[in-house]
Amino acid sequence: MTKFDAHLTELDTPAAIVDVQRMQRNIERMQRCTDGFGVRFRPHVKTTKCTPIVRAQLAAGGRGITVSTLKEATQFHADGIGDILYAVGIVPSKLPQVLALRRRGCDLKIIADSVASASAIAEFGRAQREVFEVWIEVDTDGHRSGVEPDGAALLEVARTLHGNSTRLGGVMAHAGSSYDLDTPEELAAMAEQERAGCVLAAERLRANGLPCPVVSVGSTPTALSAVGLDRVTEVRAGVYVFFDLVMHNVGVCTMNDIAMSVLTTVIGHQIDKGWAIVDAGWMAMSRDRGTEKQRRDFGYGQVCSLDGTVQEGYAVRGANQEHGIVWREGERDSDIAARFPLGSRLRILPNHACATGAQFPEYHALDERGLTRWSRLHGW
């Protein structure tokens, strides 16, 4: 164990650890990628929900942020960030929060993907004498939300928004189905599908006399796999800052790029089963089993030694609330107690960094100077 890792023996477990060197490398990689295409990069902060990390993303060249909750928008605006996209469909009950933020000086953009949503925004804006900037969410891959880029609904929503109480700011897409892919060819094709669909939507709006200054695309896999981003104005991505085992299986990072891990202690053994029991169960790792349907299943997380060295074949393959069960894939390890002695410490790489991070109120950022506590935002 090096002096660098010795700091980890000071912590109670389980604890969320951020390898600052890896994190910074990931931030710089994404920024270089988007800079190379000459497009603006708007980091999605839902993965970390942590001000020091967001500041590192902006310092590297990020321009504005994307959030998944209005609580995030409120916190990051209070921390001095003004340009914010709330990238979740809005409902009328949340519009007063949006109004309050805008009247405090926040340049908050919201999205719509239906006439009902657009009408509610327009009606509220008229009543409050506020002009909201609204982007239209476009569905380029059948993943979740949005209007078809070549469908009639796109123009209906746009015309509803283009008025005195709203400003049509652009179109945005998120190719979330890229998480289901795992070859460079598939990922590049999905990135192009996302780009082409969003650009088509923008061109249709402009051809019909409607403004569309922003064309925004993004997911971590497509952002890192795009061959070209012609007529795109900005890219969004979030999980790249930490990466995780799902992204490893998708093929956009190695295990040595994964910047967040869960520090855990070995609390027992089942020798006859070849099990080591750790104090990181699903309450620490989350119940996200995102690798279960991928080409390699890591259970609840990949086991590493205290210094971060991957222990091949060992994963948290079973979990209860506060107990994780570690065993080696494919065979019983009769020497499990010698390999992972009682009281020894391990680090577990997560399936989904967003879900695992959400289990903790703070990160312990580890660099050559030691450990620093970084608060993490919770709730909605």
Foldseek 3Di string as FASTA:
>chain_A
DDPLLVLVVVDDPFAKEFAVVLLLVLLLVLLVLVVVQVAAEAEEALLFQFVVSVVSNVVSPHQHYEYQDLVSVVVVVVVPGARYEHEDQDDLVCVVSVVVSVVVPHLYEYEHAALVSLLSQQVVLVVVVAEHEYAFEEELDPDDDGHFLPDPRLVSSQVSQPDRRYAHAAYEYELPCLLVAADLVVLQVSLVSQLVRQQSSQVVCVVVVTDHPAREYEEVSSSQRHPHRPPHHYYYYYQSSQDFVSVVLSPRDPLVSHGMWTKWFFADDDLVQQKTKIQQFCLQLPPDQPCPPTPDGQQFFFKAASVRHTDPQWHQNHGDNGITIIHGPPDRDNCSCVVRPGGGMIITTGHGSSRNSQSDQWYFYGDPVHTDIIGRDHDD
